[in-house]
Protein backbone atom coordinates (compact mmCIF):
# COMPACT_ATOMS: atom_id res chain seq x y z
CA MET A 1 63.68 30.79 43.02
CA ALA A 2 62.86 28.06 40.58
CA LYS A 3 63.17 28.66 36.91
CA ARG A 4 60.93 26.89 34.47
CA PHE A 5 61.29 26.87 30.51
CA PHE A 6 58.34 25.21 28.62
CA LEU A 7 59.64 24.24 25.08
CA ILE A 8 56.69 23.23 22.99
CA VAL A 9 57.26 21.47 19.67
CA LEU A 10 54.31 21.64 17.20
CA ASP A 11 55.37 18.70 15.30
CA SER A 12 55.67 19.57 11.56
CA PHE A 13 54.26 23.24 11.89
CA GLY A 14 56.39 24.73 9.09
CA VAL A 15 56.13 28.24 7.86
CA GLY A 16 57.33 28.01 4.21
CA GLU A 17 59.76 26.28 2.04
CA LEU A 18 63.55 26.58 2.82
CA PRO A 19 65.83 27.85 0.00
CA ASP A 20 67.28 24.28 -0.68
CA ALA A 21 63.54 22.71 -0.66
CA GLY A 22 64.01 21.57 -4.26
CA ARG A 23 66.63 19.26 -3.23
CA TRP A 24 64.00 17.54 -1.17
CA HIS A 25 61.27 17.87 -3.85
CA ASP A 26 59.32 20.25 -1.42
CA GLU A 27 59.11 23.29 -3.88
CA GLY A 28 55.90 25.48 -2.69
CA SER A 29 55.48 23.73 0.56
CA ASN A 30 54.09 25.83 3.35
CA THR A 31 52.23 24.11 6.18
CA LEU A 32 50.93 27.24 7.84
CA GLY A 33 49.96 28.69 4.36
CA ALA A 34 47.92 25.46 3.84
CA ILE A 35 45.73 25.84 6.91
CA ARG A 36 45.55 29.49 7.88
CA ASN A 37 42.53 30.46 5.56
CA HIS A 38 40.56 27.11 6.46
CA PRO A 39 37.22 27.70 8.50
CA ASN A 40 38.55 25.48 11.21
CA PHE A 41 41.61 27.77 11.85
CA SER A 42 41.14 30.38 14.62
CA CYS A 43 44.21 31.29 16.46
CA PRO A 44 43.90 34.59 18.27
CA ASN A 45 46.58 33.79 20.78
CA LEU A 46 49.12 32.68 18.32
CA THR A 47 48.35 35.80 16.33
CA ARG A 48 48.69 38.22 19.08
CA MET A 49 51.99 36.48 20.34
CA GLY A 50 53.32 37.24 16.58
CA LEU A 51 52.90 34.22 14.48
CA PHE A 52 51.97 36.23 11.40
CA ASN A 53 54.67 38.79 12.23
CA ILE A 54 57.49 36.18 11.42
CA GLU A 55 59.38 37.00 8.40
CA GLY A 56 57.84 35.58 5.13
CA VAL A 57 54.52 34.74 6.71
CA GLY A 58 52.70 37.95 6.58
CA GLY A 59 49.55 39.40 8.25
CA GLY A 60 50.98 40.33 11.65
CA VAL A 61 49.68 42.59 14.35
CA ALA A 62 50.81 45.96 15.42
CA SER A 63 52.13 44.94 19.02
CA PRO A 64 52.97 41.35 19.48
CA ILE A 65 53.12 40.25 23.08
CA ALA A 66 56.15 37.77 22.20
CA SER A 67 59.27 38.00 20.48
CA TYR A 68 59.53 35.87 17.24
CA ALA A 69 61.92 34.47 14.46
CA ARG A 70 61.85 32.05 11.57
CA MET A 71 64.11 29.20 12.01
CA THR A 72 66.40 27.55 9.56
CA GLU A 73 67.38 23.78 9.70
CA ARG A 74 71.11 23.49 9.13
CA SER A 75 71.06 19.74 9.41
CA ALA A 76 70.69 17.66 6.23
CA GLY A 77 67.29 16.25 6.43
CA LYS A 78 63.68 16.98 7.35
CA ASP A 79 62.78 14.26 9.82
CA THR A 80 61.80 14.30 13.30
CA THR A 81 65.00 13.00 14.95
CA ILE A 82 67.38 15.28 13.59
CA GLY A 83 65.02 18.23 13.75
CA HIS A 84 64.69 17.76 17.59
CA TRP A 85 68.45 17.09 17.85
CA GLU A 86 69.18 20.36 16.10
CA ILE A 87 66.85 22.13 18.50
CA ALA A 88 68.89 20.57 21.28
CA GLY A 89 72.14 21.50 20.01
CA ILE A 90 73.29 18.88 17.62
CA VAL A 91 73.63 19.81 13.83
CA SER A 92 73.78 16.73 11.64
CA PRO A 93 75.50 17.42 8.32
CA ASP A 94 74.95 13.97 6.89
CA PRO A 95 71.37 12.66 6.30
CA LEU A 96 70.17 9.57 8.15
CA PRO A 97 69.62 6.72 5.78
CA THR A 98 66.42 6.06 3.73
CA TYR A 99 65.07 3.10 1.89
CA PRO A 100 62.99 4.18 -1.15
CA HIS A 101 63.05 0.51 -2.36
CA GLY A 102 62.79 -1.06 0.96
CA PHE A 103 65.51 -2.73 3.39
CA PRO A 104 68.26 -5.15 2.02
CA ALA A 105 67.24 -8.79 1.75
CA ASP A 106 70.14 -9.90 4.03
CA LEU A 107 69.15 -7.42 6.77
CA LEU A 108 65.64 -8.76 6.76
CA ALA A 109 66.62 -12.31 6.74
CA GLU A 110 68.68 -11.70 9.80
CA PHE A 111 65.63 -9.86 11.48
CA GLU A 112 63.38 -12.82 10.49
CA LYS A 113 65.88 -15.28 12.14
CA ARG A 114 66.18 -13.23 15.40
CA THR A 115 62.35 -12.61 15.74
CA GLY A 116 61.07 -16.01 14.67
CA ARG A 117 58.58 -14.42 12.24
CA LYS A 118 58.51 -13.75 8.53
CA VAL A 119 58.33 -10.20 7.08
CA ILE A 120 55.89 -8.80 4.51
CA CYS A 121 55.64 -5.66 2.49
CA ASN A 122 59.08 -4.09 2.93
CA LEU A 123 58.09 -0.75 0.96
CA PRO A 124 57.63 2.84 1.58
CA TYR A 125 53.91 3.18 2.72
CA SER A 126 51.38 5.20 4.54
CA GLY A 127 50.84 3.69 7.83
CA THR A 128 47.02 3.60 7.48
CA GLU A 129 47.16 2.12 3.98
CA VAL A 130 49.71 -0.49 4.81
CA ILE A 131 47.37 -2.07 7.24
CA LYS A 132 44.56 -2.12 4.81
CA ASP A 133 46.72 -3.76 2.21
CA TYR A 134 48.66 -6.16 4.49
CA GLY A 135 46.65 -6.67 7.56
CA ARG A 136 44.66 -9.69 6.45
CA GLU A 137 47.72 -11.40 5.28
CA HIS A 138 49.43 -10.69 8.37
CA LEU A 139 46.49 -12.24 10.51
CA GLU A 140 46.61 -15.33 8.19
CA THR A 141 50.44 -15.91 8.23
CA GLY A 142 51.68 -14.31 11.54
CA ALA A 143 54.30 -12.23 9.53
CA LEU A 144 55.40 -8.80 10.66
CA ILE A 145 54.36 -5.93 8.48
CA VAL A 146 57.71 -4.06 7.86
CA TYR A 147 57.74 -0.75 6.03
CA THR A 148 59.44 2.61 5.75
CA SER A 149 58.65 6.11 4.44
CA ALA A 150 60.60 8.85 2.95
CA ASP A 151 61.96 9.44 6.61
CA SER A 152 64.68 7.43 8.12
CA VAL A 153 62.43 4.88 9.81
CA PHE A 154 62.06 1.18 10.14
CA GLN A 155 58.30 0.54 11.09
CA ILE A 156 56.75 -2.83 12.27
CA ALA A 157 52.85 -3.05 12.10
CA ALA A 158 51.22 -5.88 13.82
CA HIS A 159 47.63 -6.66 15.19
CA GLU A 160 47.63 -6.79 19.05
CA ASP A 161 45.79 -10.14 18.97
CA MET A 162 48.38 -11.69 16.88
CA VAL A 163 51.48 -10.17 18.11
CA PRO A 164 51.02 -9.04 21.88
CA LEU A 165 52.57 -5.60 22.63
CA ASP A 166 55.49 -6.85 24.57
CA GLU A 167 56.47 -9.17 21.67
CA LEU A 168 56.16 -6.33 19.25
CA TYR A 169 58.20 -4.02 21.31
CA ARG A 170 60.80 -6.73 21.67
CA ASP A 171 60.91 -7.11 17.90
CA CYS A 172 61.41 -3.35 17.69
CA GLU A 173 64.26 -3.78 20.13
CA ILE A 174 65.89 -6.38 17.91
CA ALA A 175 65.67 -4.07 14.91
CA ARG A 176 67.07 -1.26 16.97
CA GLU A 177 70.07 -3.38 17.90
CA MET A 178 70.69 -4.55 14.27
CA LEU A 179 70.33 -1.20 12.70
CA THR A 180 73.84 0.24 13.03
CA ALA A 181 75.82 2.12 10.32
CA PRO A 182 75.29 2.29 7.35
CA HIS A 183 71.81 1.27 8.39
CA ASN A 184 71.45 3.61 11.42
CA VAL A 185 67.92 4.84 10.79
CA GLY A 186 66.81 7.49 12.97
CA ARG A 187 63.87 5.53 14.41
CA VAL A 188 62.42 2.08 14.76
CA ILE A 189 58.72 2.38 15.45
CA ALA A 190 56.27 0.16 16.69
CA ARG A 191 52.78 0.55 15.00
CA PRO A 192 50.20 -1.71 16.65
CA PHE A 193 46.62 -1.96 15.30
CA THR A 194 43.36 -3.64 16.32
CA GLY A 195 39.90 -4.55 15.35
CA ASP A 196 38.63 -5.97 11.96
CA TYR A 197 39.26 -4.89 8.41
CA PRO A 198 40.30 -1.94 7.46
CA PHE A 199 41.77 -2.11 11.04
CA THR A 200 42.47 0.84 13.44
CA ARG A 201 45.75 1.80 14.80
CA THR A 202 45.95 2.19 18.46
CA ALA A 203 47.70 4.64 20.91
CA ASN A 204 50.23 2.09 21.79
CA ARG A 205 53.01 3.28 19.21
CA HIS A 206 56.41 3.46 20.59
CA ASP A 207 59.65 4.83 19.04
CA PHE A 208 62.90 3.28 19.49
CA SER A 209 65.47 6.13 18.49
CA LEU A 210 69.18 6.24 17.46
CA THR A 211 71.06 7.40 20.47
CA PRO A 212 72.14 11.03 19.87
CA PRO A 213 75.83 11.08 18.88
CA ALA A 214 76.81 13.85 21.52
CA ASP A 215 75.61 15.58 24.41
CA THR A 216 72.48 17.68 23.98
CA VAL A 217 70.84 20.57 26.04
CA LEU A 218 69.20 17.89 27.98
CA ASP A 219 72.41 16.29 29.12
CA LEU A 220 73.82 19.50 29.97
CA LEU A 221 71.06 20.61 32.12
CA LYS A 222 70.66 17.35 33.92
CA ALA A 223 74.52 17.29 34.46
CA ALA A 224 73.88 20.89 36.06
CA GLY A 225 71.26 19.57 38.58
CA TYR A 226 68.29 20.90 36.57
CA ASP A 227 65.01 19.03 36.06
CA THR A 228 64.32 17.82 32.55
CA VAL A 229 60.97 16.81 32.03
CA SER A 230 59.74 15.10 28.72
CA VAL A 231 56.09 15.26 27.33
CA GLY A 232 55.07 13.05 24.43
CA LYS A 233 57.65 11.36 22.26
CA ILE A 234 60.55 13.63 23.31
CA PHE A 235 61.75 10.59 25.67
CA ASP A 236 61.96 8.29 22.46
CA ILE A 237 63.39 10.76 20.24
CA PHE A 238 66.52 11.21 22.59
CA ALA A 239 66.45 7.70 23.67
CA GLY A 240 66.05 8.69 27.20
CA CYS A 241 69.37 10.42 27.23
CA GLY A 242 69.44 13.51 29.61
CA ILE A 243 65.71 13.29 30.74
CA THR A 244 64.97 13.25 34.43
CA GLU A 245 61.24 12.52 34.17
CA SER A 246 58.93 11.43 31.30
CA HIS A 247 55.23 11.47 30.45
CA ARG A 248 54.04 9.53 27.63
CA THR A 249 50.88 10.82 25.75
CA THR A 250 48.42 9.36 23.47
CA SER A 251 47.29 12.58 21.57
CA ASN A 252 47.72 16.36 21.36
CA THR A 253 44.70 16.68 23.69
CA HIS A 254 46.52 14.39 26.29
CA GLY A 255 49.84 16.12 25.82
CA MET A 256 48.48 19.49 26.55
CA GLN A 257 46.67 18.30 29.52
CA VAL A 258 49.85 16.83 30.80
CA THR A 259 51.63 20.07 30.01
CA GLN A 260 48.97 22.12 31.89
CA GLU A 261 49.31 19.86 34.97
CA LEU A 262 53.04 20.28 35.11
CA GLN A 263 52.64 23.90 34.83
CA SER A 264 50.75 23.77 38.14
CA ARG A 265 53.67 21.74 39.74
CA ASP A 266 56.92 22.92 41.10
CA PHE A 267 60.07 22.10 39.14
CA ASN A 268 63.39 23.74 38.26
CA GLY A 269 64.44 23.42 34.57
CA LEU A 270 63.15 22.47 31.29
CA CYS A 271 59.68 20.99 30.29
CA PHE A 272 60.23 19.78 26.67
CA VAL A 273 56.81 18.84 24.79
CA ASN A 274 56.17 17.31 21.52
CA LEU A 275 52.57 17.50 20.03
CA VAL A 276 52.72 14.71 17.36
CA ASP A 277 49.11 14.87 16.04
CA PHE A 278 49.88 17.74 13.65
CA ASP A 279 52.22 15.46 11.75
CA MET A 280 50.84 11.93 12.47
CA LYS A 281 47.26 12.32 12.22
CA TYR A 282 46.88 15.37 9.83
CA GLY A 283 50.13 16.29 7.89
CA HIS A 284 50.79 12.66 6.82
CA ARG A 285 47.08 12.13 5.89
CA ASN A 286 46.84 15.42 3.90
CA ASP A 287 43.99 16.43 6.22
CA VAL A 288 43.93 20.27 5.91
CA ALA A 289 40.64 20.59 7.88
CA GLY A 290 42.02 18.27 10.80
CA TYR A 291 45.34 20.18 10.78
CA ALA A 292 43.52 23.50 11.14
CA ALA A 293 41.34 22.25 13.85
CA ALA A 294 44.44 20.98 15.83
CA ALA A 295 45.93 24.42 15.53
CA THR A 296 42.77 25.92 16.93
CA GLU A 297 42.86 23.47 19.78
CA PHE A 298 46.35 24.38 20.66
CA ASP A 299 45.58 28.00 20.47
CA GLU A 300 42.61 27.54 23.11
CA PHE A 301 44.98 25.72 25.32
CA LEU A 302 47.09 28.60 25.25
CA THR A 303 44.45 30.87 26.63
CA GLY A 304 44.77 29.16 30.22
CA PHE A 305 48.53 28.35 29.86
CA LEU A 306 49.60 31.93 29.19
CA THR A 307 47.47 33.12 32.23
CA GLY A 308 48.94 30.40 34.46
CA MET A 309 52.64 31.56 33.81
CA ARG A 310 54.73 32.46 36.83
CA GLU A 311 57.10 35.28 37.22
CA ASP A 312 60.20 33.37 36.02
CA ASP A 313 58.61 31.11 33.49
CA VAL A 314 59.45 31.24 29.80
CA LEU A 315 57.37 29.57 27.05
CA LEU A 316 58.98 28.78 23.55
CA ILE A 317 56.91 27.53 20.74
CA THR A 318 58.43 25.94 17.56
CA ALA A 319 58.52 23.09 15.29
CA ASP A 320 60.81 20.48 13.96
CA HIS A 321 60.05 20.50 10.18
CA GLY A 322 56.95 20.84 7.96
CA CYS A 323 54.35 18.40 6.68
CA ASP A 324 52.31 20.50 4.21
CA PRO A 325 48.83 18.72 4.13
CA SER A 326 47.72 20.37 0.85
CA THR A 327 50.44 19.00 -1.45
CA PRO A 328 50.16 15.64 -3.23
CA SER A 329 53.06 14.19 -1.06
CA THR A 330 52.25 12.82 2.36
CA ASP A 331 55.84 13.07 3.52
CA HIS A 332 57.57 15.73 5.74
CA SER A 333 58.54 18.96 3.96
CA ARG A 334 61.80 20.97 4.23
CA GLU A 335 60.54 24.24 5.59
CA TYR A 336 61.53 27.14 8.03
CA THR A 337 59.82 26.78 11.27
CA PRO A 338 58.26 29.36 13.67
CA MET A 339 59.72 30.55 17.01
CA LEU A 340 57.67 32.43 19.56
CA ILE A 341 59.10 33.12 22.96
CA TYR A 342 56.95 34.79 25.84
CA GLY A 343 57.19 35.31 29.59
CA ASN A 344 56.88 37.99 32.16
CA LYS A 345 60.63 38.69 31.76
CA ILE A 346 60.60 38.55 27.95
CA LYS A 347 60.11 41.49 25.71
CA GLY A 348 57.23 41.54 23.35
CA GLY A 349 57.62 42.50 19.59
CA VAL A 350 61.41 41.83 19.16
CA ASN A 351 61.85 40.41 15.60
CA LEU A 352 64.72 38.27 15.54
CA GLY A 353 64.57 37.80 11.80
CA THR A 354 65.62 34.44 10.17
CA ARG A 355 68.00 32.48 12.47
CA ALA A 356 70.82 30.40 10.94
CA SER A 357 69.92 27.13 12.90
CA PHE A 358 67.30 25.55 15.12
CA SER A 359 70.03 25.16 17.66
CA ASP A 360 69.83 28.75 18.57
CA ILE A 361 66.85 27.61 20.62
CA GLY A 362 68.90 25.14 22.59
CA ALA A 363 71.54 27.70 23.14
CA THR A 364 68.96 30.01 24.45
CA VAL A 365 67.66 27.49 26.85
CA LEU A 366 71.19 26.84 28.39
CA ASP A 367 71.75 30.72 28.49
CA TYR A 368 68.59 31.19 30.50
CA PHE A 369 69.69 28.63 33.34
CA GLY A 370 73.36 29.93 32.87
CA VAL A 371 74.55 26.45 31.88
CA PRO A 372 77.81 26.54 29.41
CA GLN A 373 76.99 25.22 25.95
CA LYS A 374 80.22 23.24 25.85
CA ASP A 375 80.28 21.35 22.49
CA THR A 376 76.67 22.15 21.44
CA SER A 377 75.81 24.25 18.51
CA GLY A 378 73.77 27.45 18.32
CA GLU A 379 73.87 31.10 19.22
CA SER A 380 71.73 32.21 21.95
CA PHE A 381 69.30 35.19 21.45
CA LEU A 382 68.29 35.39 25.10
CA LYS A 383 70.00 39.09 25.56
CA GLU A 384 67.89 40.46 22.78
CA VAL A 385 64.81 39.49 24.33
CA LEU A 386 65.41 39.54 28.03
CA GLN A 387 63.75 42.55 29.91
């Protein structure tokens, strides 16, 4: 009989600062804490699954229907790439490079030469603010808006009427090819926008990620003959490695629709989902109300999804880092993440405490399918929760 494992990452849904948060200037960050009391927040399904029973969260229910844990990031960072890589079995002891003062002049000179376009900005910036401040100059000159953030990213913004999408994506591929060690940033991101000032970002974002340095859970499952289905930016995060089928999405709503459709389909393996709006639209924009409403929308999705689970289905909900929308910072935050695991063959109410690494999730996925871990990190908790 086919076995299906749905691994859903709520991008940036942290549950409180890690002990080393001060190293990252994230003291006091708590993404869930920032939204849980907002009027837009209503999450009865997550509550009965045990979200608030997780260590350090508070306010749990008497008999959670899922088992739960608080996950610790062992990797040196708080970005999307290494967070997902760790979930999938790779712990990154060294942080990916960041550029708080912009990229080196010689690097950008070579980029300009290869693309045939000048570069403007070259500073850490909010993605919505950078097109307000540089969008008109871009349209006047044709120069690419290159910017970064506190994360390991090289971002290129361009108006779709000035730089067609295929050219923008090609420029990103050029940057990705150039950005090798010591400038091996986690992601090169195409950030197209359209319209008139103050401009609007479109859904045609595309991430060009660093190739994982070793095999991940996805590679091992694929090699063992299992389906590995990605939803959202999972394909980009893993540079397509180990993925047998991918579905791009334009929003959380679209991502949940695709996941619901996949639930009604036969496959045998892992469905790995990223819901990016929590981070991109709400965390980075300090939008507490929007973040709370997005959590409520996800909870409403769970009503039908939980009912539709088959006998051998497993659902695991987690996150890759935090992005507290209530702090002055608009950057990711160094936080614990939640882990809720549910299914007909999964015990409810097992408190797995605080786990030592996100990679315990990947180890558990492999254990469920009987695939050896080989060189991937993590300690499976399957035996503790399996009926």
